[in-house]
Amino acid sequence: MQCLLENFCFLFPKYFFLGIGGLSFALGFFSVLWPQQSIGFYQWVMERINWKVAPIDLPREIRNTRILGAVLVVLSLIIFFMASSRFKGGLC
């Protein structure tokens, strides 16, 4: 199978996965440190598409946001290490 981006094929997968890992790490870190602001950000995004979202049990929601943020940080670090070790050449 021929690469669609022949001239940039050796760069694309690594930077794509590093970008996903960076964005995921930032979002997870934000959720661990400031869960209430993370919940507010989610509510703001949902209001933009005309959905109203409100937590039923706020302390439980904050706890779950912190836990899932920590899981997201771990998964994004795995993506970082996989992308940096796997894509070391002209892979397409």
N, C-alpha and C. Protein backbone atom coordinates (compact mmCIF):
# COMPACT_ATOMS: atom_id res chain seq x y z
N MET A 1 0.84 -1.18 0.00
CA MET A 1 0.00 0.00 0.00
C MET A 1 0.89 1.24 0.00
N GLN A 2 0.58 2.14 -0.86
CA GLN A 2 1.37 3.36 -1.00
C GLN A 2 0.86 4.43 -0.03
N CYS A 3 1.79 5.15 0.56
CA CYS A 3 1.46 6.20 1.51
C CYS A 3 0.80 7.38 0.79
N LEU A 4 -0.24 7.93 1.37
CA LEU A 4 -0.92 9.07 0.76
C LEU A 4 -0.08 10.34 0.83
N LEU A 5 0.75 10.46 1.84
CA LEU A 5 1.61 11.62 2.01
C LEU A 5 3.06 11.20 1.79
N GLU A 6 3.41 10.89 0.57
CA GLU A 6 4.71 10.31 0.29
C GLU A 6 5.87 11.16 0.78
N ASN A 7 5.81 12.46 0.60
CA ASN A 7 6.93 13.31 0.99
C ASN A 7 7.05 13.47 2.50
N PHE A 8 5.95 13.35 3.21
CA PHE A 8 5.96 13.58 4.65
C PHE A 8 5.64 12.31 5.43
N CYS A 9 5.69 11.18 4.79
CA CYS A 9 5.27 9.94 5.40
C CYS A 9 6.12 9.57 6.61
N PHE A 10 7.40 9.87 6.57
CA PHE A 10 8.27 9.50 7.68
C PHE A 10 8.03 10.37 8.91
N LEU A 11 7.41 11.51 8.76
CA LEU A 11 7.14 12.40 9.88
C LEU A 11 5.74 12.24 10.46
N PHE A 12 4.79 11.93 9.62
CA PHE A 12 3.39 12.02 10.01
C PHE A 12 3.00 11.12 11.19
N PRO A 13 3.27 9.81 11.19
CA PRO A 13 2.77 8.99 12.29
C PRO A 13 3.33 9.39 13.65
N LYS A 14 4.61 9.68 13.71
CA LYS A 14 5.22 10.03 14.99
C LYS A 14 4.60 11.31 15.55
N TYR A 15 4.53 12.36 14.74
CA TYR A 15 4.01 13.63 15.24
C TYR A 15 2.51 13.57 15.51
N PHE A 16 1.80 12.76 14.77
CA PHE A 16 0.37 12.59 15.01
C PHE A 16 0.14 11.98 16.39
N PHE A 17 0.86 10.89 16.69
CA PHE A 17 0.67 10.23 17.98
C PHE A 17 1.26 11.05 19.13
N LEU A 18 2.35 11.77 18.88
CA LEU A 18 2.87 12.65 19.92
C LEU A 18 1.90 13.79 20.21
N GLY A 19 1.22 14.30 19.19
CA GLY A 19 0.21 15.33 19.39
C GLY A 19 -0.98 14.82 20.19
N ILE A 20 -1.43 13.63 19.87
CA ILE A 20 -2.53 13.03 20.63
C ILE A 20 -2.10 12.81 22.08
N GLY A 21 -0.87 12.31 22.26
CA GLY A 21 -0.37 12.09 23.61
C GLY A 21 -0.24 13.38 24.39
N GLY A 22 0.22 14.45 23.74
CA GLY A 22 0.36 15.74 24.42
C GLY A 22 -0.98 16.33 24.83
N LEU A 23 -1.93 16.27 23.93
CA LEU A 23 -3.27 16.79 24.23
C LEU A 23 -3.92 15.97 25.35
N SER A 24 -3.77 14.66 25.29
CA SER A 24 -4.34 13.79 26.33
C SER A 24 -3.69 14.04 27.67
N PHE A 25 -2.35 14.21 27.66
CA PHE A 25 -1.64 14.47 28.91
C PHE A 25 -2.12 15.78 29.54
N ALA A 26 -2.25 16.81 28.73
CA ALA A 26 -2.69 18.12 29.25
C ALA A 26 -4.11 18.03 29.83
N LEU A 27 -4.99 17.35 29.13
CA LEU A 27 -6.37 17.22 29.61
C LEU A 27 -6.43 16.39 30.89
N GLY A 28 -5.67 15.30 30.94
CA GLY A 28 -5.64 14.47 32.15
C GLY A 28 -5.03 15.20 33.33
N PHE A 29 -3.94 15.92 33.09
CA PHE A 29 -3.29 16.68 34.15
C PHE A 29 -4.22 17.76 34.69
N PHE A 30 -4.92 18.43 33.78
CA PHE A 30 -5.90 19.44 34.15
C PHE A 30 -7.01 18.82 35.00
N SER A 31 -7.45 17.62 34.63
CA SER A 31 -8.53 16.95 35.36
C SER A 31 -8.10 16.49 36.74
N VAL A 32 -6.83 16.11 36.88
CA VAL A 32 -6.33 15.67 38.19
C VAL A 32 -6.18 16.86 39.13
N LEU A 33 -5.60 17.95 38.64
CA LEU A 33 -5.33 19.10 39.51
C LEU A 33 -6.57 19.95 39.78
N TRP A 34 -7.38 20.18 38.78
CA TRP A 34 -8.55 21.04 38.90
C TRP A 34 -9.80 20.33 38.37
N PRO A 35 -10.31 19.36 39.10
CA PRO A 35 -11.46 18.59 38.59
C PRO A 35 -12.73 19.42 38.41
N GLN A 36 -12.94 20.38 39.30
CA GLN A 36 -14.16 21.18 39.19
C GLN A 36 -14.12 22.06 37.93
N GLN A 37 -12.96 22.60 37.60
CA GLN A 37 -12.83 23.39 36.38
C GLN A 37 -12.94 22.49 35.15
N SER A 38 -12.47 21.26 35.26
CA SER A 38 -12.60 20.30 34.16
C SER A 38 -14.07 19.97 33.90
N ILE A 39 -14.81 19.80 34.97
CA ILE A 39 -16.25 19.55 34.83
C ILE A 39 -16.93 20.78 34.22
N GLY A 40 -16.53 21.95 34.65
CA GLY A 40 -17.07 23.18 34.07
C GLY A 40 -16.75 23.32 32.59
N PHE A 41 -15.53 22.94 32.22
CA PHE A 41 -15.15 22.98 30.80
C PHE A 41 -16.02 22.02 29.98
N TYR A 42 -16.26 20.83 30.52
CA TYR A 42 -17.12 19.86 29.83
C TYR A 42 -18.54 20.42 29.68
N GLN A 43 -19.05 21.04 30.73
CA GLN A 43 -20.38 21.63 30.65
C GLN A 43 -20.42 22.74 29.61
N TRP A 44 -19.37 23.55 29.54
CA TRP A 44 -19.30 24.63 28.56
C TRP A 44 -19.30 24.07 27.13
N VAL A 45 -18.53 23.00 26.90
CA VAL A 45 -18.49 22.39 25.57
C VAL A 45 -19.86 21.82 25.21
N MET A 46 -20.51 21.17 26.15
CA MET A 46 -21.82 20.59 25.87
C MET A 46 -22.88 21.67 25.62
N GLU A 47 -22.78 22.80 26.29
CA GLU A 47 -23.72 23.89 26.04
C GLU A 47 -23.57 24.45 24.63
N ARG A 48 -22.37 24.38 24.07
CA ARG A 48 -22.14 24.86 22.70
C ARG A 48 -22.91 24.03 21.68
N ILE A 49 -23.16 22.77 21.99
CA ILE A 49 -23.93 21.94 21.07
C ILE A 49 -25.36 21.72 21.59
N ASN A 50 -25.78 22.65 22.49
CA ASN A 50 -27.16 22.71 22.98
C ASN A 50 -27.54 21.52 23.86
N TRP A 51 -26.62 21.07 24.71
CA TRP A 51 -26.91 20.04 25.70
C TRP A 51 -26.64 20.62 27.07
N LYS A 52 -27.54 20.38 27.99
CA LYS A 52 -27.34 20.81 29.37
C LYS A 52 -26.92 19.60 30.19
N VAL A 53 -25.77 19.71 30.86
CA VAL A 53 -25.22 18.62 31.65
C VAL A 53 -24.99 19.13 33.06
N ALA A 54 -25.46 18.37 34.06
CA ALA A 54 -25.24 18.74 35.45
C ALA A 54 -24.98 17.48 36.27
N PRO A 55 -23.95 17.50 37.12
CA PRO A 55 -23.68 16.32 37.95
C PRO A 55 -24.76 16.13 39.02
N ILE A 56 -25.09 14.88 39.28
CA ILE A 56 -26.09 14.56 40.30
C ILE A 56 -25.45 14.64 41.68
N ASP A 57 -24.28 14.03 41.83
CA ASP A 57 -23.56 14.00 43.10
C ASP A 57 -22.18 14.63 42.87
N LEU A 58 -22.02 15.91 43.21
CA LEU A 58 -20.80 16.65 42.89
C LEU A 58 -19.54 16.07 43.54
N PRO A 59 -19.53 15.68 44.82
CA PRO A 59 -18.30 15.10 45.38
C PRO A 59 -17.88 13.81 44.67
N ARG A 60 -18.85 13.01 44.33
CA ARG A 60 -18.54 11.77 43.59
C ARG A 60 -18.02 12.08 42.19
N GLU A 61 -18.60 13.07 41.56
CA GLU A 61 -18.16 13.48 40.22
C GLU A 61 -16.73 14.02 40.25
N ILE A 62 -16.40 14.77 41.26
CA ILE A 62 -15.03 15.30 41.40
C ILE A 62 -14.05 14.15 41.61
N ARG A 63 -14.41 13.20 42.46
CA ARG A 63 -13.53 12.04 42.70
C ARG A 63 -13.33 11.24 41.42
N ASN A 64 -14.40 10.98 40.69
CA ASN A 64 -14.29 10.21 39.45
C ASN A 64 -13.49 10.96 38.38
N THR A 65 -13.64 12.29 38.35
CA THR A 65 -12.88 13.10 37.39
C THR A 65 -11.39 13.02 37.69
N ARG A 66 -11.02 13.05 38.96
CA ARG A 66 -9.60 12.91 39.32
C ARG A 66 -9.07 11.54 38.95
N ILE A 67 -9.82 10.50 39.23
CA ILE A 67 -9.37 9.14 38.92
C ILE A 67 -9.21 8.96 37.41
N LEU A 68 -10.21 9.38 36.65
CA LEU A 68 -10.13 9.22 35.20
C LEU A 68 -9.06 10.13 34.59
N GLY A 69 -8.81 11.28 35.21
CA GLY A 69 -7.72 12.14 34.75
C GLY A 69 -6.37 11.46 34.95
N ALA A 70 -6.19 10.78 36.09
CA ALA A 70 -4.95 10.04 36.34
C ALA A 70 -4.78 8.90 35.35
N VAL A 71 -5.87 8.21 35.04
CA VAL A 71 -5.81 7.14 34.04
C VAL A 71 -5.43 7.71 32.68
N LEU A 72 -5.97 8.86 32.33
CA LEU A 72 -5.65 9.50 31.06
C LEU A 72 -4.18 9.93 31.00
N VAL A 73 -3.64 10.40 32.11
CA VAL A 73 -2.22 10.76 32.15
C VAL A 73 -1.35 9.53 31.90
N VAL A 74 -1.68 8.42 32.54
CA VAL A 74 -0.91 7.18 32.35
C VAL A 74 -1.00 6.70 30.91
N LEU A 75 -2.19 6.70 30.34
CA LEU A 75 -2.35 6.26 28.95
C LEU A 75 -1.62 7.19 27.98
N SER A 76 -1.63 8.48 28.24
CA SER A 76 -0.92 9.40 27.35
C SER A 76 0.59 9.22 27.44
N LEU A 77 1.10 8.89 28.62
CA LEU A 77 2.54 8.60 28.74
C LEU A 77 2.90 7.34 27.97
N ILE A 78 2.01 6.35 27.98
CA ILE A 78 2.24 5.13 27.19
C ILE A 78 2.29 5.48 25.70
N ILE A 79 1.38 6.36 25.26
CA ILE A 79 1.40 6.79 23.86
C ILE A 79 2.71 7.50 23.53
N PHE A 80 3.18 8.37 24.44
CA PHE A 80 4.45 9.05 24.22
C PHE A 80 5.59 8.05 24.02
N PHE A 81 5.70 7.10 24.94
CA PHE A 81 6.81 6.14 24.86
C PHE A 81 6.69 5.23 23.64
N MET A 82 5.48 4.83 23.31
CA MET A 82 5.29 3.99 22.13
C MET A 82 5.63 4.76 20.85
N ALA A 83 5.19 6.00 20.76
CA ALA A 83 5.44 6.79 19.56
C ALA A 83 6.92 7.12 19.41
N SER A 84 7.58 7.42 20.52
CA SER A 84 8.98 7.77 20.41
C SER A 84 9.88 6.58 20.16
N SER A 85 9.47 5.40 20.59
CA SER A 85 10.32 4.22 20.37
C SER A 85 9.99 3.48 19.08
N ARG A 86 8.76 3.52 18.66
CA ARG A 86 8.36 2.73 17.50
C ARG A 86 8.66 3.41 16.17
N PHE A 87 8.38 4.69 16.06
CA PHE A 87 8.52 5.40 14.80
C PHE A 87 9.89 6.07 14.72
N LYS A 88 10.92 5.28 14.55
CA LYS A 88 12.28 5.83 14.51
C LYS A 88 12.83 5.91 13.10
N GLY A 89 12.08 5.65 12.14
CA GLY A 89 12.63 5.70 10.80
C GLY A 89 11.57 6.10 9.81
N GLY A 90 11.78 5.73 8.58
CA GLY A 90 10.84 6.05 7.54
C GLY A 90 9.72 5.05 7.46
N LEU A 91 8.94 4.96 8.51
CA LEU A 91 7.80 4.04 8.50
C LEU A 91 6.61 4.70 7.86
N CYS A 92 5.83 3.92 7.18
CA CYS A 92 4.65 4.46 6.54
C CYS A 92 3.49 3.54 6.83
